[in-house]
């Protein structure tokens, strides 16, 4: 039986080394991302790399090499290769994916839109004066569909106009006039398509969060939880102070309402008694109604006497407890 012959394609050594280097970077990085950089000039890409230095490293490699590196690395990072298409780079960082996405969004710069491109949003020209001098510019604006005229020696746009709706193809005339007017409807920069961290792959839609909105929700939830904990008496290092203040306020109110002789509260009790006496004196200063004949109180039974004795004892215990609270 003849021996089986296998033919293997020769892989250049530089490709093998590049894949090995990328595998090493993947294994030592907390986050690995796939970013697109279409329509970013080379000098702008270098500027972006410099701006991200210290937060992330960008490696531009061939798509086949990027796929091979991901598939040769950790098993759960392999699906990240599905996001490799068009002009792609690998991103390596120790920052979390949400922070990275925010950094990349901040690094984007306004750029002119090209003829034949689709409008990323409604392209609107506002009404008002322009910086253009009277002349051929009026005709160019009108040819592009912008209602322009000369008023008081200045080129003025008479009314707000939408040159292109979101998703519409931008014509050559529109692209040219937008560039002339320095209206740049596109924000161009690195587009984070997906990121891997800790066994999870985050799509770009997962990475856009309303930070201010989330902080506001957390603040409201924290305030609600704090109020509830104080109300139900759930002691924590944060609630124990307000709980003691609440208890002290309620205890003071109880002492004043019940007239309990508690040390530390006597001055307030006497002031309340004086105010009550003054009020009674004011009422008594008028013509007093005939006093009704006193009605003899029935003799208290032995059981009632014992109950009153117990009430006095409980009152004394309460006063002692409150006295301890007020020092």
Protein backbone atom coordinates (compact mmCIF):
# COMPACT_ATOMS: atom_id res chain seq x y z
CA UNK A 1 0.00 0.00 0.00
CA UNK A 2 1.49 3.26 -1.08
CA UNK A 3 2.14 5.82 1.60
CA UNK A 4 -0.33 8.73 1.74
CA UNK A 5 1.12 12.03 0.58
CA UNK A 6 -0.06 15.33 2.11
CA UNK A 7 0.53 18.76 0.63
CA UNK A 8 0.50 21.69 3.02
CA UNK A 9 0.57 25.29 1.93
CA UNK A 10 3.66 27.09 3.06
CA UNK A 11 2.89 29.78 5.65
CA UNK A 12 5.42 32.62 5.70
CA UNK A 13 7.36 32.84 8.92
CA UNK A 14 6.41 36.50 9.46
CA UNK A 15 2.73 35.56 9.53
CA UNK A 16 3.36 32.83 12.10
CA UNK A 17 5.30 35.26 14.32
CA UNK A 18 2.60 37.93 13.99
CA UNK A 19 -0.13 35.48 15.00
CA UNK A 20 1.94 34.29 17.98
CA UNK A 21 2.53 37.88 19.09
CA UNK A 22 -1.17 38.69 18.87
CA UNK A 23 -2.09 35.54 20.81
CA UNK A 24 0.28 36.65 23.57
CA UNK A 25 -1.31 40.12 23.67
CA UNK A 26 -4.81 38.60 23.76
CA UNK A 27 -3.94 36.40 26.74
CA UNK A 28 -2.42 39.20 28.82
CA UNK A 29 -5.07 41.86 28.07
CA UNK A 30 -8.18 42.31 30.17
CA UNK A 31 -10.18 43.52 27.16
CA UNK A 32 -9.86 42.72 23.46
CA UNK A 33 -11.90 44.73 20.99
CA UNK A 34 -12.64 44.80 17.27
CA UNK A 35 -12.62 48.30 15.81
CA UNK A 36 -13.35 49.60 12.31
CA UNK A 37 -11.37 52.49 10.85
CA UNK A 38 -12.81 53.03 7.38
CA UNK A 39 -12.33 56.53 5.92
CA UNK A 40 -9.84 57.53 8.61
CA UNK A 41 -6.74 59.10 6.99
CA UNK A 42 -3.39 57.62 8.05
CA UNK A 43 -2.30 60.77 9.89
CA UNK A 44 -5.63 60.89 11.79
CA UNK A 45 -5.19 57.24 12.76
CA UNK A 46 -1.78 58.05 14.20
CA UNK A 47 -3.32 60.90 16.18
CA UNK A 48 -5.99 58.56 17.55
CA UNK A 49 -3.34 56.08 18.60
CA UNK A 50 -1.51 58.82 20.45
CA UNK A 51 -4.72 60.01 22.13
CA UNK A 52 -5.47 56.49 23.37
CA UNK A 53 -1.92 55.79 24.57
CA UNK A 54 -2.05 54.68 28.19
CA UNK A 55 -5.63 53.42 27.82
CA UNK A 56 -5.50 51.17 24.78
CA UNK A 57 -3.21 49.83 22.06
CA UNK A 58 -4.38 49.57 18.45
CA UNK A 59 -2.92 46.94 16.12
CA UNK A 60 -3.76 47.10 12.42
CA UNK A 61 -3.27 43.66 10.87
CA UNK A 62 -4.69 41.66 8.00
CA UNK A 63 -8.14 40.27 8.68
CA UNK A 64 -6.96 36.69 8.12
CA UNK A 65 -4.20 37.11 10.70
CA UNK A 66 -6.60 38.69 13.21
CA UNK A 67 -9.02 35.76 12.80
CA UNK A 68 -6.23 33.18 13.15
CA UNK A 69 -4.99 34.87 16.35
CA UNK A 70 -8.47 34.95 17.93
CA UNK A 71 -9.25 31.36 16.96
CA UNK A 72 -5.86 30.20 18.31
CA UNK A 73 -6.38 31.91 21.65
CA UNK A 74 -8.94 31.39 24.43
CA UNK A 75 -11.92 29.19 23.44
CA UNK A 76 -14.60 31.71 24.44
CA UNK A 77 -12.98 34.59 22.54
CA UNK A 78 -13.28 32.85 19.16
CA UNK A 79 -16.76 34.31 18.32
CA UNK A 80 -15.19 37.79 18.38
CA UNK A 81 -13.79 36.93 14.94
CA UNK A 82 -17.34 37.17 13.54
CA UNK A 83 -17.06 40.96 13.84
CA UNK A 84 -13.99 41.17 11.58
CA UNK A 85 -14.88 42.69 8.24
CA UNK A 86 -13.83 45.50 5.96
CA UNK A 87 -11.02 47.62 7.47
CA UNK A 88 -10.46 46.21 10.94
CA UNK A 89 -7.98 46.62 13.79
CA UNK A 90 -7.55 44.85 17.13
CA UNK A 91 -7.73 46.83 20.34
CA UNK A 92 -6.05 45.75 23.59
CA UNK A 93 -6.71 47.40 26.95
CA UNK A 94 -7.05 46.95 30.69
CA UNK A 95 -9.99 49.41 30.88
CA UNK A 96 -13.55 48.09 30.90
CA UNK A 97 -15.41 48.00 27.54
CA UNK A 98 -17.84 50.77 28.53
CA UNK A 99 -15.04 53.21 29.32
CA UNK A 100 -13.26 52.29 26.10
CA UNK A 101 -16.37 52.89 24.02
CA UNK A 102 -16.84 56.30 25.68
CA UNK A 103 -13.19 57.19 24.95
CA UNK A 104 -13.55 56.20 21.30
CA UNK A 105 -16.75 58.23 20.95
CA UNK A 106 -15.05 61.30 22.45
CA UNK A 107 -12.11 60.92 20.06
CA UNK A 108 -14.32 61.20 16.96
CA UNK A 109 -13.99 64.35 14.87
CA UNK A 110 -16.48 66.08 12.53
CA UNK A 111 -15.67 65.50 8.86
CA UNK A 112 -17.29 66.46 5.54
CA UNK A 113 -19.68 64.01 3.96
CA UNK A 114 -18.87 62.66 0.50
CA UNK A 115 -21.17 62.54 -2.50
CA UNK A 116 -22.99 59.21 -2.65
CA UNK A 117 -22.75 58.60 1.11
CA UNK A 118 -25.89 58.19 3.18
CA UNK A 119 -26.75 60.91 5.65
CA UNK A 120 -26.09 59.68 9.22
CA UNK A 121 -28.80 62.06 10.48
CA UNK A 122 -31.06 64.81 9.13
CA UNK A 123 -28.79 67.43 7.53
CA UNK A 124 -30.33 70.80 8.36
CA UNK A 125 -29.28 74.33 7.38
CA UNK A 126 -30.62 76.96 9.76
CA UNK A 127 -32.05 80.32 8.70
CA UNK A 128 -30.02 83.48 9.31
CA UNK A 129 -27.00 85.48 8.18
CA UNK A 130 -23.94 83.78 6.73
CA UNK A 131 -20.28 84.74 6.58
CA UNK A 132 -20.29 84.82 2.77
CA UNK A 133 -19.88 88.01 0.73
CA UNK A 134 -22.52 88.86 -1.90
CA UNK A 135 -21.72 87.35 -5.27
CA UNK A 136 -21.75 83.91 -6.93
CA UNK A 137 -22.32 82.25 -3.55
CA UNK A 138 -26.01 83.18 -3.65
CA UNK A 139 -26.47 81.22 -6.88
CA UNK A 140 -24.59 78.19 -5.52
CA UNK A 141 -26.78 78.12 -2.42
CA UNK A 142 -29.95 78.42 -4.45
CA UNK A 143 -28.78 75.66 -6.83
CA UNK A 144 -28.32 73.36 -3.84
CA UNK A 145 -31.88 74.04 -2.70
CA UNK A 146 -31.08 76.62 -0.03
CA UNK A 147 -33.30 79.75 -0.18
CA UNK A 148 -30.64 82.49 -0.05
CA UNK A 149 -30.78 86.22 -0.78
CA UNK A 150 -28.78 89.41 -0.23
CA UNK A 151 -29.97 91.67 2.59
CA UNK A 152 -28.11 94.70 3.92
CA UNK A 153 -25.00 93.68 2.01
CA UNK A 154 -24.93 90.14 3.45
CA UNK A 155 -25.89 86.70 2.20
CA UNK A 156 -28.88 85.54 4.25
CA UNK A 157 -30.68 82.18 4.33
CA UNK A 158 -34.37 83.00 4.46
CA UNK A 159 -35.68 79.85 6.10
CA UNK A 160 -34.58 76.61 7.70
CA UNK A 161 -34.20 73.80 5.19
CA UNK A 162 -33.45 70.06 5.38
CA UNK A 163 -31.02 69.12 2.61
CA UNK A 164 -31.07 65.37 3.31
CA UNK A 165 -33.05 63.09 5.59
CA UNK A 166 -31.34 60.43 7.67
CA UNK A 167 -30.42 57.50 5.42
CA UNK A 168 -30.80 59.40 2.15
CA UNK A 169 -27.96 59.45 -0.41
CA UNK A 170 -26.20 62.81 -0.47
CA UNK A 171 -25.86 64.37 -3.94
CA UNK A 172 -22.67 65.94 -5.26
CA UNK A 173 -24.19 69.45 -5.08
CA UNK A 174 -25.25 68.95 -1.49
CA UNK A 175 -21.87 67.51 -0.45
CA UNK A 176 -20.05 70.41 -2.12
CA UNK A 177 -22.20 73.15 -0.56
CA UNK A 178 -22.01 71.53 2.91
CA UNK A 179 -18.22 71.51 2.69
CA UNK A 180 -18.21 75.15 1.56
CA UNK A 181 -20.46 76.09 4.49
CA UNK A 182 -18.26 74.04 6.86
CA UNK A 183 -21.16 71.84 7.91
CA UNK A 184 -19.74 68.46 8.83
CA UNK A 185 -22.55 65.97 9.54
CA UNK A 186 -20.29 62.97 10.16
CA UNK A 187 -18.29 62.15 13.26
CA UNK A 188 -15.41 59.99 12.08
CA UNK A 189 -13.23 57.85 14.31
CA UNK A 190 -12.60 54.33 15.47
CA UNK A 191 -15.83 52.32 15.65
CA UNK A 192 -15.88 49.72 18.41
CA UNK A 193 -17.86 46.82 16.94
CA UNK A 194 -17.49 44.36 19.83
CA UNK A 195 -15.35 43.75 22.90
CA UNK A 196 -14.38 40.70 24.96
CA UNK A 197 -13.95 40.72 28.74
CA UNK A 198 -14.03 37.91 31.29
CA UNK A 199 -15.62 35.31 29.06
CA UNK A 200 -18.30 37.69 27.72
CA UNK A 201 -18.59 39.37 24.33
CA UNK A 202 -20.30 42.77 24.27
CA UNK A 203 -21.84 44.06 21.04
CA UNK A 204 -21.65 47.76 20.31
CA UNK A 205 -25.32 48.27 21.30
CA UNK A 206 -24.55 46.88 24.76
CA UNK A 207 -21.81 49.45 25.32
CA UNK A 208 -23.87 52.64 24.97
CA UNK A 209 -25.26 53.65 28.35
CA UNK A 210 -26.70 56.91 29.65
CA UNK A 211 -24.17 57.55 32.43
CA UNK A 212 -25.94 60.64 33.82
CA UNK A 213 -29.30 58.85 33.74
CA UNK A 214 -27.91 55.81 35.54
CA UNK A 215 -26.24 57.96 38.22
CA UNK A 216 -29.54 59.81 38.74
CA UNK A 217 -31.43 56.52 39.16
CA UNK A 218 -28.85 55.19 41.61
CA UNK A 219 -29.02 58.42 43.62
CA UNK A 220 -32.81 58.21 43.88
CA UNK A 221 -32.65 54.53 44.84
CA UNK A 222 -30.00 55.25 47.48
CA UNK A 223 -32.07 58.08 49.01
CA UNK A 224 -35.20 55.90 49.09
CA UNK A 225 -33.35 52.98 50.68
CA UNK A 226 -31.77 55.28 53.28
CA UNK A 227 -35.14 56.79 54.28
CA UNK A 228 -36.74 53.35 54.51
CA UNK A 229 -33.88 51.98 56.65
CA UNK A 230 -34.17 54.90 59.08
CA UNK A 231 -37.96 54.53 59.24
CA UNK A 232 -37.92 50.79 60.03
CA UNK A 233 -34.91 51.07 62.36
CA UNK A 234 -32.44 49.06 60.25
CA UNK A 235 -29.09 49.89 61.82
CA UNK A 236 -26.05 50.43 59.59
CA UNK A 237 -23.01 52.69 59.99
CA UNK A 238 -24.79 55.20 57.72
CA UNK A 239 -28.23 55.09 59.40
CA UNK A 240 -27.38 54.79 63.09
CA UNK A 241 -26.80 58.56 63.52
CA UNK A 242 -30.11 59.66 61.93
CA UNK A 243 -31.92 56.85 63.80
CA UNK A 244 -30.65 58.12 67.17
CA UNK A 245 -31.60 61.69 66.25
CA UNK A 246 -35.09 60.51 65.27
CA UNK A 247 -35.43 58.55 68.52
CA UNK A 248 -34.30 61.55 70.55
CA UNK A 249 -36.81 63.85 68.82
CA UNK A 250 -39.66 61.39 69.38
CA UNK A 251 -38.63 60.84 73.03
CA UNK A 252 -38.60 64.60 73.70
CA UNK A 253 -42.06 64.91 72.18
CA UNK A 254 -43.31 62.02 74.34
CA UNK A 255 -41.88 63.57 77.51
CA UNK A 256 -43.53 66.94 76.80
CA UNK A 257 -46.83 65.35 75.87
CA UNK A 258 -46.98 63.06 78.92
CA UNK A 259 -45.44 65.56 81.36
CA UNK A 260 -42.84 63.07 82.57
CA UNK A 261 -40.27 64.49 85.01
CA UNK A 262 -37.13 63.48 83.11
CA UNK A 263 -33.74 65.01 83.99
CA UNK A 264 -32.58 67.31 81.22
CA UNK A 265 -36.15 68.08 80.16
CA UNK A 266 -37.38 69.87 83.29
CA UNK A 267 -36.75 73.32 81.87
CA UNK A 268 -38.88 72.55 78.80
CA UNK A 269 -41.59 70.95 80.97
CA UNK A 270 -41.73 73.98 83.27
CA UNK A 271 -41.88 76.30 80.27
CA UNK A 272 -44.80 74.31 78.86
CA UNK A 273 -46.51 74.33 82.27
CA UNK A 274 -46.03 78.10 82.57
CA UNK A 275 -47.49 78.61 79.09
CA UNK A 276 -50.50 76.45 79.99
CA UNK A 277 -50.97 78.33 83.27
CA UNK A 278 -50.86 81.65 81.47
CA UNK A 279 -53.47 80.44 79.02
CA UNK A 280 -55.75 79.29 81.87
CA UNK A 281 -55.23 82.60 83.65
CA UNK A 282 -56.31 84.47 80.55
CA UNK A 283 -59.45 82.35 80.32
CA UNK A 284 -60.23 82.82 84.01
CA UNK A 285 -59.83 86.60 83.90
CA UNK A 286 -63.26 86.90 82.23
CA UNK A 287 -66.63 86.30 83.94
CA UNK A 288 -66.44 82.80 85.26
CA UNK A 289 -69.37 80.45 84.93
CA UNK A 290 -71.01 79.21 88.17
CA UNK A 291 -69.10 76.30 89.46
CA UNK A 292 -70.97 73.06 89.50
CA UNK A 293 -71.36 71.24 92.77
CA UNK A 294 -68.60 68.78 93.21
CA UNK A 295 -69.53 65.21 92.65
CA UNK A 296 -68.10 62.77 95.09
CA UNK A 297 -65.93 60.24 93.37
CA UNK A 298 -66.79 56.63 94.06
CA UNK A 299 -64.50 54.83 96.38
CA UNK A 300 -61.83 52.97 94.53
CA UNK A 301 -61.85 49.25 94.87
CA UNK A 302 -58.77 47.32 95.96
CA UNK A 303 -58.18 46.13 92.36
CA UNK A 304 -58.35 49.68 91.02
CA UNK A 305 -55.91 50.82 93.67
CA UNK A 306 -53.46 48.10 92.62
CA UNK A 307 -53.83 49.07 88.95
CA UNK A 308 -53.05 52.71 89.75
CA UNK A 309 -50.01 51.58 91.74
CA UNK A 310 -48.78 49.55 88.74
CA UNK A 311 -49.35 52.54 86.39
CA UNK A 312 -47.26 54.78 88.63
CA UNK A 313 -44.51 52.14 88.73
CA UNK A 314 -44.53 51.84 84.88
CA UNK A 315 -44.46 55.61 84.60
CA UNK A 316 -41.45 55.75 86.87
CA UNK A 317 -39.67 53.08 84.80
CA UNK A 318 -40.43 55.00 81.59
CA UNK A 319 -39.10 58.19 83.08
CA UNK A 320 -35.92 56.43 84.16
CA UNK A 321 -35.42 54.99 80.67
CA UNK A 322 -35.98 58.33 79.01
CA UNK A 323 -33.69 59.94 81.52
CA UNK A 324 -30.93 57.58 80.43
CA UNK A 325 -31.58 58.58 76.82
CA UNK A 326 -31.21 62.31 77.57
CA UNK A 327 -28.29 61.89 79.96
